[in-house]
């Protein structure tokens, strides 16, 4: 019997939250998947990440850069 494979996307999301960054799930078009404000959904909780990616295992992790004073140019 094989252990279930863990999505590399949830692994990446969990690594980001372990560093204190707030993440939220998005699709391949870089659009938030969950309803509501992505700014409010973004979390640095491993529990929240596991719940979000449990519902959307193929979701890509996106960062709430503004919450950390970061900007991408």
C-alpha atoms as a PDB file:
ATOM      1  CA  UNK A   1       0.000   0.000   0.000  1.00  0.00           C
ATOM      2  CA  UNK A   2       1.372   3.420  -0.979  1.00  0.00           C
ATOM      3  CA  UNK A   3       1.096   6.556   1.097  1.00  0.00           C
ATOM      4  CA  UNK A   4      -0.988   9.256  -0.597  1.00  0.00           C
ATOM      5  CA  UNK A   5       1.103  11.740  -2.533  1.00  0.00           C
ATOM      6  CA  UNK A   6       1.275  15.236  -1.151  1.00  0.00           C
ATOM      7  CA  UNK A   7       0.768  18.018  -3.666  1.00  0.00           C
ATOM      8  CA  UNK A   8       3.886  20.120  -4.229  1.00  0.00           C
ATOM      9  CA  UNK A   9       1.581  23.160  -4.089  1.00  0.00           C
ATOM     10  CA  UNK A  10       0.474  22.497  -0.509  1.00  0.00           C
ATOM     11  CA  UNK A  11       4.079  21.730   0.409  1.00  0.00           C
ATOM     12  CA  UNK A  12       5.109  25.127  -0.975  1.00  0.00           C
ATOM     13  CA  UNK A  13       2.211  26.877   0.788  1.00  0.00           C
ATOM     14  CA  UNK A  14       3.114  25.256   4.107  1.00  0.00           C
ATOM     15  CA  UNK A  15       6.765  26.240   3.664  1.00  0.00           C
ATOM     16  CA  UNK A  16       5.726  29.852   3.069  1.00  0.00           C
ATOM     17  CA  UNK A  17       3.492  29.973   6.155  1.00  0.00           C
ATOM     18  CA  UNK A  18       6.250  28.381   8.231  1.00  0.00           C
ATOM     19  CA  UNK A  19       8.241  31.524   7.396  1.00  0.00           C
ATOM     20  CA  UNK A  20       5.368  33.721   8.580  1.00  0.00           C
ATOM     21  CA  UNK A  21       4.082  34.693   5.129  1.00  0.00           C
ATOM     22  CA  UNK A  22       0.363  34.972   4.415  1.00  0.00           C
ATOM     23  CA  UNK A  23      -0.829  32.857   1.469  1.00  0.00           C
ATOM     24  CA  UNK A  24      -4.093  32.141  -0.321  1.00  0.00           C
ATOM     25  CA  UNK A  25      -5.037  29.627  -3.043  1.00  0.00           C
ATOM     26  CA  UNK A  26      -5.316  30.757  -6.651  1.00  0.00           C
ATOM     27  CA  UNK A  27      -5.867  29.140 -10.038  1.00  0.00           C
ATOM     28  CA  UNK A  28      -3.501  28.930 -13.014  1.00  0.00           C
ATOM     29  CA  UNK A  29      -4.725  32.359 -14.174  1.00  0.00           C
ATOM     30  CA  UNK A  30      -3.494  33.771 -10.832  1.00  0.00           C
ATOM     31  CA  UNK A  31      -7.045  34.459  -9.669  1.00  0.00           C
ATOM     32  CA  UNK A  32      -8.144  33.718  -6.095  1.00  0.00           C
ATOM     33  CA  UNK A  33     -10.169  30.504  -5.865  1.00  0.00           C
ATOM     34  CA  UNK A  34     -12.061  31.130  -2.651  1.00  0.00           C
ATOM     35  CA  UNK A  35     -14.973  33.533  -2.445  1.00  0.00           C
ATOM     36  CA  UNK A  36     -14.480  36.669  -0.439  1.00  0.00           C
ATOM     37  CA  UNK A  37     -11.641  39.107  -0.116  1.00  0.00           C
ATOM     38  CA  UNK A  38      -8.306  37.432  -0.805  1.00  0.00           C
ATOM     39  CA  UNK A  39      -6.754  39.975   1.559  1.00  0.00           C
ATOM     40  CA  UNK A  40      -8.876  38.558   4.374  1.00  0.00           C
ATOM     41  CA  UNK A  41      -8.505  34.923   3.270  1.00  0.00           C
ATOM     42  CA  UNK A  42      -4.705  35.097   3.126  1.00  0.00           C
ATOM     43  CA  UNK A  43      -3.352  33.363   6.199  1.00  0.00           C
ATOM     44  CA  UNK A  44      -0.105  32.288   7.794  1.00  0.00           C
ATOM     45  CA  UNK A  45      -1.865  29.428   9.584  1.00  0.00           C
ATOM     46  CA  UNK A  46      -0.858  25.894   8.618  1.00  0.00           C
ATOM     47  CA  UNK A  47      -4.352  24.766   9.674  1.00  0.00           C
ATOM     48  CA  UNK A  48      -6.003  27.227   7.238  1.00  0.00           C
ATOM     49  CA  UNK A  49      -3.642  26.191   4.423  1.00  0.00           C
ATOM     50  CA  UNK A  50      -4.441  22.520   4.964  1.00  0.00           C
ATOM     51  CA  UNK A  51      -8.167  23.310   4.906  1.00  0.00           C
ATOM     52  CA  UNK A  52      -7.948  25.440   1.735  1.00  0.00           C
ATOM     53  CA  UNK A  53      -5.731  22.990  -0.149  1.00  0.00           C
ATOM     54  CA  UNK A  54      -7.826  20.082   1.106  1.00  0.00           C
ATOM     55  CA  UNK A  55     -10.698  21.582  -0.881  1.00  0.00           C
ATOM     56  CA  UNK A  56      -8.518  22.671  -3.827  1.00  0.00           C
ATOM     57  CA  UNK A  57      -5.452  20.393  -4.006  1.00  0.00           C
ATOM     58  CA  UNK A  58      -4.303  21.785  -7.370  1.00  0.00           C
ATOM     59  CA  UNK A  59      -4.409  25.404  -6.204  1.00  0.00           C
ATOM     60  CA  UNK A  60      -1.268  27.477  -6.537  1.00  0.00           C
ATOM     61  CA  UNK A  61      -0.032  29.356  -3.477  1.00  0.00           C
ATOM     62  CA  UNK A  62      -0.194  33.129  -3.825  1.00  0.00           C
ATOM     63  CA  UNK A  63       1.339  35.627  -1.415  1.00  0.00           C
ATOM     64  CA  UNK A  64      -0.288  38.657   0.148  1.00  0.00           C
ATOM     65  CA  UNK A  65       2.775  40.806  -0.484  1.00  0.00           C
ATOM     66  CA  UNK A  66       1.311  44.038   0.895  1.00  0.00           C
ATOM     67  CA  UNK A  67       0.800  42.463   4.310  1.00  0.00           C
ATOM     68  CA  UNK A  68       4.574  42.124   4.545  1.00  0.00           C
ATOM     69  CA  UNK A  69       5.527  45.437   2.974  1.00  0.00           C
ATOM     70  CA  UNK A  70       6.776  43.681  -0.169  1.00  0.00           C
ATOM     71  CA  UNK A  71       6.429  44.799  -3.770  1.00  0.00           C
ATOM     72  CA  UNK A  72       7.229  42.926  -6.986  1.00  0.00           C
ATOM     73  CA  UNK A  73       8.389  44.934  -9.973  1.00  0.00           C
END
